[in-house]
Amino acid sequence: MKKPPSKIRDEIARLQEQLKAAETREAERIGRIALKAGLGEIVIDESELLSAFDELARRFRSLEVGSQEGSAGRANSLGSVDTSTIKAVPVPGRAGEA
């Protein structure tokens, strides 16, 4: 059964609202963590901070790939932190990321 265009538009609008709410929750979560780590007190250019976050994301993505290849039990650069439950999430709208 085909959906009429108005129902599809309504569903798209509902999903966009859900996405916006989920992105807001994630931004708030990451912001709280950054503040706890003291990043709110550091005077740094936004592009430098973005670059540091990009590097951090690459680091965790590489750990995720390593854990999928069976290296979850080996020591890593995070010490004794269990990274087996960390999931990388692509950032929408970022150029050069697949």
C-alpha atoms as a PDB file:
ATOM      1  CA  MET A   1       0.000   0.000   0.000  1.00  0.00           C
ATOM      2  CA  LYS A   2       1.378   3.361  -1.028  1.00  0.00           C
ATOM      3  CA  LYS A   3       1.418   6.289   1.335  1.00  0.00           C
ATOM      4  CA  PRO A   4       0.084   9.609   0.164  1.00  0.00           C
ATOM      5  CA  PRO A   5       2.677  12.413  -0.071  1.00  0.00           C
ATOM      6  CA  SER A   6       1.151  14.267   2.882  1.00  0.00           C
ATOM      7  CA  LYS A   7       1.711  11.246   5.170  1.00  0.00           C
ATOM      8  CA  ILE A   8       5.287  10.914   3.957  1.00  0.00           C
ATOM      9  CA  ARG A   9       5.921  14.626   4.615  1.00  0.00           C
ATOM     10  CA  ASP A  10       4.426  14.261   8.098  1.00  0.00           C
ATOM     11  CA  GLU A  11       6.665  11.274   8.782  1.00  0.00           C
ATOM     12  CA  ILE A  12       9.731  13.139   7.514  1.00  0.00           C
ATOM     13  CA  ALA A  13       8.904  16.122   9.750  1.00  0.00           C
ATOM     14  CA  ARG A  14       8.470  13.809  12.748  1.00  0.00           C
ATOM     15  CA  LEU A  15      11.782  12.085  12.045  1.00  0.00           C
ATOM     16  CA  GLN A  16      13.560  15.442  11.624  1.00  0.00           C
ATOM     17  CA  GLU A  17      12.282  16.494  15.046  1.00  0.00           C
ATOM     18  CA  GLN A  18      13.503  13.210  16.541  1.00  0.00           C
ATOM     19  CA  LEU A  19      16.911  13.741  14.922  1.00  0.00           C
ATOM     20  CA  LYS A  20      17.117  17.303  16.218  1.00  0.00           C
ATOM     21  CA  ALA A  21      16.249  16.144  19.743  1.00  0.00           C
ATOM     22  CA  ALA A  22      18.819  13.318  19.594  1.00  0.00           C
ATOM     23  CA  GLU A  23      21.530  15.683  18.333  1.00  0.00           C
ATOM     24  CA  THR A  24      20.689  18.147  21.107  1.00  0.00           C
ATOM     25  CA  ARG A  25      20.967  15.410  23.752  1.00  0.00           C
ATOM     26  CA  GLU A  26      24.344  14.315  22.354  1.00  0.00           C
ATOM     27  CA  ALA A  27      25.639  17.891  22.171  1.00  0.00           C
ATOM     28  CA  GLU A  28      24.608  18.496  25.772  1.00  0.00           C
ATOM     29  CA  ARG A  29      26.226  15.236  26.892  1.00  0.00           C
ATOM     30  CA  ILE A  30      29.483  16.020  25.120  1.00  0.00           C
ATOM     31  CA  GLY A  31      29.375  19.600  26.400  1.00  0.00           C
ATOM     32  CA  ARG A  32      28.974  18.430  30.006  1.00  0.00           C
ATOM     33  CA  ILE A  33      31.927  16.072  29.604  1.00  0.00           C
ATOM     34  CA  ALA A  34      34.038  18.835  28.047  1.00  0.00           C
ATOM     35  CA  LEU A  35      33.213  21.168  30.925  1.00  0.00           C
ATOM     36  CA  LYS A  36      34.084  18.494  33.485  1.00  0.00           C
ATOM     37  CA  ALA A  37      37.417  18.060  31.728  1.00  0.00           C
ATOM     38  CA  GLY A  38      38.054  21.795  32.076  1.00  0.00           C
ATOM     39  CA  LEU A  39      37.683  22.781  28.416  1.00  0.00           C
ATOM     40  CA  GLY A  40      35.397  25.660  29.330  1.00  0.00           C
ATOM     41  CA  GLU A  41      38.281  27.434  31.041  1.00  0.00           C
ATOM     42  CA  ILE A  42      40.686  27.156  28.112  1.00  0.00           C
ATOM     43  CA  VAL A  43      40.907  30.025  25.647  1.00  0.00           C
ATOM     44  CA  ILE A  44      41.320  28.326  22.283  1.00  0.00           C
ATOM     45  CA  ASP A  45      40.337  29.092  18.723  1.00  0.00           C
ATOM     46  CA  GLU A  46      37.296  27.112  17.594  1.00  0.00           C
ATOM     47  CA  SER A  47      39.160  25.663  14.599  1.00  0.00           C
ATOM     48  CA  GLU A  48      41.917  24.365  16.891  1.00  0.00           C
ATOM     49  CA  LEU A  49      39.354  22.830  19.222  1.00  0.00           C
ATOM     50  CA  LEU A  50      37.562  21.214  16.271  1.00  0.00           C
ATOM     51  CA  SER A  51      40.877  19.808  15.082  1.00  0.00           C
ATOM     52  CA  ALA A  52      41.506  18.327  18.537  1.00  0.00           C
ATOM     53  CA  PHE A  53      38.018  16.790  18.578  1.00  0.00           C
ATOM     54  CA  ASP A  54      38.619  15.355  15.086  1.00  0.00           C
ATOM     55  CA  GLU A  55      41.815  13.731  16.340  1.00  0.00           C
ATOM     56  CA  LEU A  56      39.998  12.350  19.372  1.00  0.00           C
ATOM     57  CA  ALA A  57      37.260  10.916  17.142  1.00  0.00           C
ATOM     58  CA  ARG A  58      39.882   9.266  14.878  1.00  0.00           C
ATOM     59  CA  ARG A  59      41.561   7.802  17.961  1.00  0.00           C
ATOM     60  CA  PHE A  60      38.341   6.232  19.203  1.00  0.00           C
ATOM     61  CA  ARG A  61      37.382   5.022  15.724  1.00  0.00           C
ATOM     62  CA  SER A  62      40.739   3.273  15.399  1.00  0.00           C
ATOM     63  CA  LEU A  63      40.207   1.662  18.816  1.00  0.00           C
ATOM     64  CA  GLU A  64      36.780   0.481  17.677  1.00  0.00           C
ATOM     65  CA  VAL A  65      38.285  -1.105  14.564  1.00  0.00           C
ATOM     66  CA  GLY A  66      40.991  -2.717  16.696  1.00  0.00           C
ATOM     67  CA  SER A  67      38.457  -4.163  19.134  1.00  0.00           C
ATOM     68  CA  GLN A  68      36.461  -5.593  16.246  1.00  0.00           C
ATOM     69  CA  GLU A  69      39.623  -7.363  15.128  1.00  0.00           C
ATOM     70  CA  GLY A  70      40.046  -9.024  18.519  1.00  0.00           C
ATOM     71  CA  SER A  71      42.377  -6.580  20.235  1.00  0.00           C
ATOM     72  CA  ALA A  72      39.926  -5.479  22.939  1.00  0.00           C
ATOM     73  CA  GLY A  73      41.933  -7.213  25.642  1.00  0.00           C
ATOM     74  CA  ARG A  74      45.254  -5.577  24.736  1.00  0.00           C
ATOM     75  CA  ALA A  75      46.504  -2.439  26.427  1.00  0.00           C
ATOM     76  CA  ASN A  76      45.831   0.750  24.533  1.00  0.00           C
ATOM     77  CA  SER A  77      46.678   4.423  24.832  1.00  0.00           C
ATOM     78  CA  LEU A  78      43.771   4.911  27.239  1.00  0.00           C
ATOM     79  CA  GLY A  79      45.297   2.655  29.869  1.00  0.00           C
ATOM     80  CA  SER A  80      42.838   0.301  31.532  1.00  0.00           C
ATOM     81  CA  VAL A  81      39.683   1.845  30.077  1.00  0.00           C
ATOM     82  CA  ASP A  82      37.426  -0.739  28.445  1.00  0.00           C
ATOM     83  CA  THR A  83      36.767   0.578  24.946  1.00  0.00           C
ATOM     84  CA  SER A  84      34.787  -2.426  23.731  1.00  0.00           C
ATOM     85  CA  THR A  85      31.466  -0.611  24.224  1.00  0.00           C
ATOM     86  CA  ILE A  86      32.462   2.646  22.504  1.00  0.00           C
ATOM     87  CA  LYS A  87      30.624   3.214  19.256  1.00  0.00           C
ATOM     88  CA  ALA A  88      31.769   5.803  16.723  1.00  0.00           C
ATOM     89  CA  VAL A  89      29.024   8.021  15.373  1.00  0.00           C
ATOM     90  CA  PRO A  90      29.558   9.847  12.082  1.00  0.00           C
ATOM     91  CA  VAL A  91      29.054  13.594  12.242  1.00  0.00           C
ATOM     92  CA  PRO A  92      26.411  14.705   9.731  1.00  0.00           C
ATOM     93  CA  GLY A  93      27.560  17.331   7.285  1.00  0.00           C
ATOM     94  CA  ARG A  94      31.302  16.811   7.788  1.00  0.00           C
ATOM     95  CA  ALA A  95      33.207  16.781   4.514  1.00  0.00           C
ATOM     96  CA  GLY A  96      35.587  13.934   3.851  1.00  0.00           C
ATOM     97  CA  GLU A  97      33.947  11.480   6.229  1.00  0.00           C
ATOM     98  CA  ALA A  98      32.166   8.408   4.995  1.00  0.00           C
END
